[in-house]
Amino acid sequence: MPRKLAELSDRAKRNVEAVGVGASVEGPRASASASAASRSIPSPRWARVLAHIVRTEGVQSLYRGFWVNVLKLAPAATAQFVLYDVLRSALTDTIQVPS
């Protein structure tokens, strides 16, 4: 969840910066209408920027890239969980904890 909030914050920041310089929000793949819409953001406040994104691109745009991150992080999280479990069982077998 914190990672998703950071991504939303970065996206909002790019929108705010695009307003000042008139650049495209999504880079060279963005359409002219998306670029023009990004310049019409009324205020650089995060809630308004996120609301603008939802209005112009839809709610699904807030979750763009979600599954890519899941696929990227899942192997590392799985390895960490397995390693933790193996080490915990190995250490509790060798170290006798007084009851």
C-alpha atoms as a PDB file:
ATOM      1  CA  MET A   1       0.000   0.000   0.000  1.00  0.00           C
ATOM      2  CA  PRO A   2       2.733   2.567   0.810  1.00  0.00           C
ATOM      3  CA  ARG A   3       4.384   1.776  -2.521  1.00  0.00           C
ATOM      4  CA  LYS A   4       1.127   2.461  -4.366  1.00  0.00           C
ATOM      5  CA  LEU A   5       0.754   5.786  -2.530  1.00  0.00           C
ATOM      6  CA  ALA A   6       4.281   6.709  -3.597  1.00  0.00           C
ATOM      7  CA  GLU A   7       3.427   5.879  -7.214  1.00  0.00           C
ATOM      8  CA  LEU A   8       0.279   8.011  -7.032  1.00  0.00           C
ATOM      9  CA  SER A   9       2.288  10.834  -5.500  1.00  0.00           C
ATOM     10  CA  ASP A  10       4.864  10.615  -8.305  1.00  0.00           C
ATOM     11  CA  ARG A  11       2.123  10.613 -10.913  1.00  0.00           C
ATOM     12  CA  ALA A  12       0.485  13.664  -9.342  1.00  0.00           C
ATOM     13  CA  LYS A  13       3.871  15.389  -9.157  1.00  0.00           C
ATOM     14  CA  ARG A  14       4.463  14.780 -12.874  1.00  0.00           C
ATOM     15  CA  ASN A  15       1.040  16.245 -13.634  1.00  0.00           C
ATOM     16  CA  VAL A  16       1.771  19.344 -11.566  1.00  0.00           C
ATOM     17  CA  GLU A  17       5.166  19.799 -13.219  1.00  0.00           C
ATOM     18  CA  ALA A  18       3.642  19.319 -16.664  1.00  0.00           C
ATOM     19  CA  VAL A  19       1.274  22.200 -15.997  1.00  0.00           C
ATOM     20  CA  GLY A  20       4.163  24.592 -15.436  1.00  0.00           C
ATOM     21  CA  VAL A  21       6.225  23.583 -18.441  1.00  0.00           C
ATOM     22  CA  GLY A  22       3.472  22.463 -20.787  1.00  0.00           C
ATOM     23  CA  ALA A  23       5.071  19.034 -21.256  1.00  0.00           C
ATOM     24  CA  SER A  24       3.288  15.774 -21.772  1.00  0.00           C
ATOM     25  CA  VAL A  25       2.427  13.891 -18.600  1.00  0.00           C
ATOM     26  CA  GLU A  26       3.113  10.369 -19.865  1.00  0.00           C
ATOM     27  CA  GLY A  27       5.987  11.073 -22.235  1.00  0.00           C
ATOM     28  CA  PRO A  28       6.018  10.555 -25.985  1.00  0.00           C
ATOM     29  CA  ARG A  29       3.174   7.998 -25.932  1.00  0.00           C
ATOM     30  CA  ALA A  30       0.652  10.447 -24.476  1.00  0.00           C
ATOM     31  CA  SER A  31      -1.958  11.819 -26.824  1.00  0.00           C
ATOM     32  CA  ALA A  32      -2.353  15.497 -27.582  1.00  0.00           C
ATOM     33  CA  SER A  33      -5.668  15.583 -25.722  1.00  0.00           C
ATOM     34  CA  ALA A  34      -4.075  14.105 -22.586  1.00  0.00           C
ATOM     35  CA  SER A  35      -1.310  16.681 -22.807  1.00  0.00           C
ATOM     36  CA  ALA A  36      -3.811  19.506 -23.213  1.00  0.00           C
ATOM     37  CA  ALA A  37      -5.909  18.156 -20.353  1.00  0.00           C
ATOM     38  CA  SER A  38      -2.863  17.993 -18.098  1.00  0.00           C
ATOM     39  CA  ARG A  39      -2.270  21.722 -18.618  1.00  0.00           C
ATOM     40  CA  SER A  40      -5.773  22.541 -17.396  1.00  0.00           C
ATOM     41  CA  ILE A  41      -5.233  21.303 -13.825  1.00  0.00           C
ATOM     42  CA  PRO A  42      -6.689  24.059 -11.633  1.00  0.00           C
ATOM     43  CA  SER A  43      -4.326  23.831  -8.663  1.00  0.00           C
ATOM     44  CA  PRO A  44      -1.222  21.869  -7.682  1.00  0.00           C
ATOM     45  CA  ARG A  45      -2.910  20.336  -4.636  1.00  0.00           C
ATOM     46  CA  TRP A  46      -2.601  16.552  -4.496  1.00  0.00           C
ATOM     47  CA  ALA A  47      -6.295  15.818  -3.975  1.00  0.00           C
ATOM     48  CA  ARG A  48      -7.269  18.021  -6.898  1.00  0.00           C
ATOM     49  CA  VAL A  49      -4.575  16.535  -9.103  1.00  0.00           C
ATOM     50  CA  LEU A  50      -5.683  12.982  -8.292  1.00  0.00           C
ATOM     51  CA  ALA A  51      -9.304  13.977  -8.886  1.00  0.00           C
ATOM     52  CA  HIS A  52      -8.251  15.444 -12.234  1.00  0.00           C
ATOM     53  CA  ILE A  53      -6.511  12.193 -13.185  1.00  0.00           C
ATOM     54  CA  VAL A  54      -9.643  10.219 -12.299  1.00  0.00           C
ATOM     55  CA  ARG A  55     -11.866  12.593 -14.282  1.00  0.00           C
ATOM     56  CA  THR A  56      -9.711  12.646 -17.406  1.00  0.00           C
ATOM     57  CA  GLU A  57      -8.285   9.112 -17.478  1.00  0.00           C
ATOM     58  CA  GLY A  58     -10.569   7.104 -15.219  1.00  0.00           C
ATOM     59  CA  VAL A  59     -10.057   5.208 -11.972  1.00  0.00           C
ATOM     60  CA  GLN A  60      -8.223   2.382 -13.734  1.00  0.00           C
ATOM     61  CA  SER A  61      -5.380   4.791 -14.543  1.00  0.00           C
ATOM     62  CA  LEU A  62      -4.520   4.930 -10.826  1.00  0.00           C
ATOM     63  CA  TYR A  63      -3.712   1.223 -10.965  1.00  0.00           C
ATOM     64  CA  ARG A  64      -1.613   1.332 -14.124  1.00  0.00           C
ATOM     65  CA  GLY A  65       1.496  -0.784 -13.585  1.00  0.00           C
ATOM     66  CA  PHE A  66       0.144  -2.573 -10.489  1.00  0.00           C
ATOM     67  CA  TRP A  67       0.561  -6.127 -11.818  1.00  0.00           C
ATOM     68  CA  VAL A  68       4.022  -5.350 -13.144  1.00  0.00           C
ATOM     69  CA  ASN A  69       5.085  -4.412  -9.618  1.00  0.00           C
ATOM     70  CA  VAL A  70       3.433  -7.519  -8.173  1.00  0.00           C
ATOM     71  CA  LEU A  71       5.303  -9.709 -10.649  1.00  0.00           C
ATOM     72  CA  LYS A  72       8.535  -7.894  -9.859  1.00  0.00           C
ATOM     73  CA  LEU A  73       8.212  -8.139  -6.064  1.00  0.00           C
ATOM     74  CA  ALA A  74       6.619 -11.586  -5.671  1.00  0.00           C
ATOM     75  CA  PRO A  75       9.785 -13.686  -6.148  1.00  0.00           C
ATOM     76  CA  ALA A  76      11.771 -11.632  -3.641  1.00  0.00           C
ATOM     77  CA  ALA A  77       8.950 -11.704  -1.079  1.00  0.00           C
ATOM     78  CA  THR A  78       8.596 -15.462  -1.506  1.00  0.00           C
ATOM     79  CA  ALA A  79      12.331 -16.023  -1.070  1.00  0.00           C
ATOM     80  CA  GLN A  80      12.392 -13.805   2.022  1.00  0.00           C
ATOM     81  CA  PHE A  81       9.466 -15.664   3.590  1.00  0.00           C
ATOM     82  CA  VAL A  82      11.000 -19.097   2.890  1.00  0.00           C
ATOM     83  CA  LEU A  83      14.419 -18.023   4.174  1.00  0.00           C
ATOM     84  CA  TYR A  84      12.893 -16.574   7.348  1.00  0.00           C
ATOM     85  CA  ASP A  85      10.933 -19.772   7.984  1.00  0.00           C
ATOM     86  CA  VAL A  86      13.959 -22.034   7.396  1.00  0.00           C
ATOM     87  CA  LEU A  87      16.253 -19.940   9.595  1.00  0.00           C
ATOM     88  CA  ARG A  88      13.665 -19.675  12.353  1.00  0.00           C
ATOM     89  CA  SER A  89      13.123 -23.427  12.470  1.00  0.00           C
ATOM     90  CA  ALA A  90      16.891 -24.098  12.311  1.00  0.00           C
ATOM     91  CA  LEU A  91      17.646 -21.662  15.138  1.00  0.00           C
ATOM     92  CA  THR A  92      14.819 -22.838  17.390  1.00  0.00           C
ATOM     93  CA  ASP A  93      16.025 -26.463  16.951  1.00  0.00           C
ATOM     94  CA  THR A  94      19.615 -25.626  17.954  1.00  0.00           C
ATOM     95  CA  ILE A  95      18.933 -23.070  20.685  1.00  0.00           C
ATOM     96  CA  GLN A  96      17.045 -24.390  23.674  1.00  0.00           C
ATOM     97  CA  VAL A  97      14.798 -21.674  25.067  1.00  0.00           C
ATOM     98  CA  PRO A  98      14.084 -22.169  28.788  1.00  0.00           C
ATOM     99  CA  SER A  99      10.397 -22.458  29.537  1.00  0.00           C
END
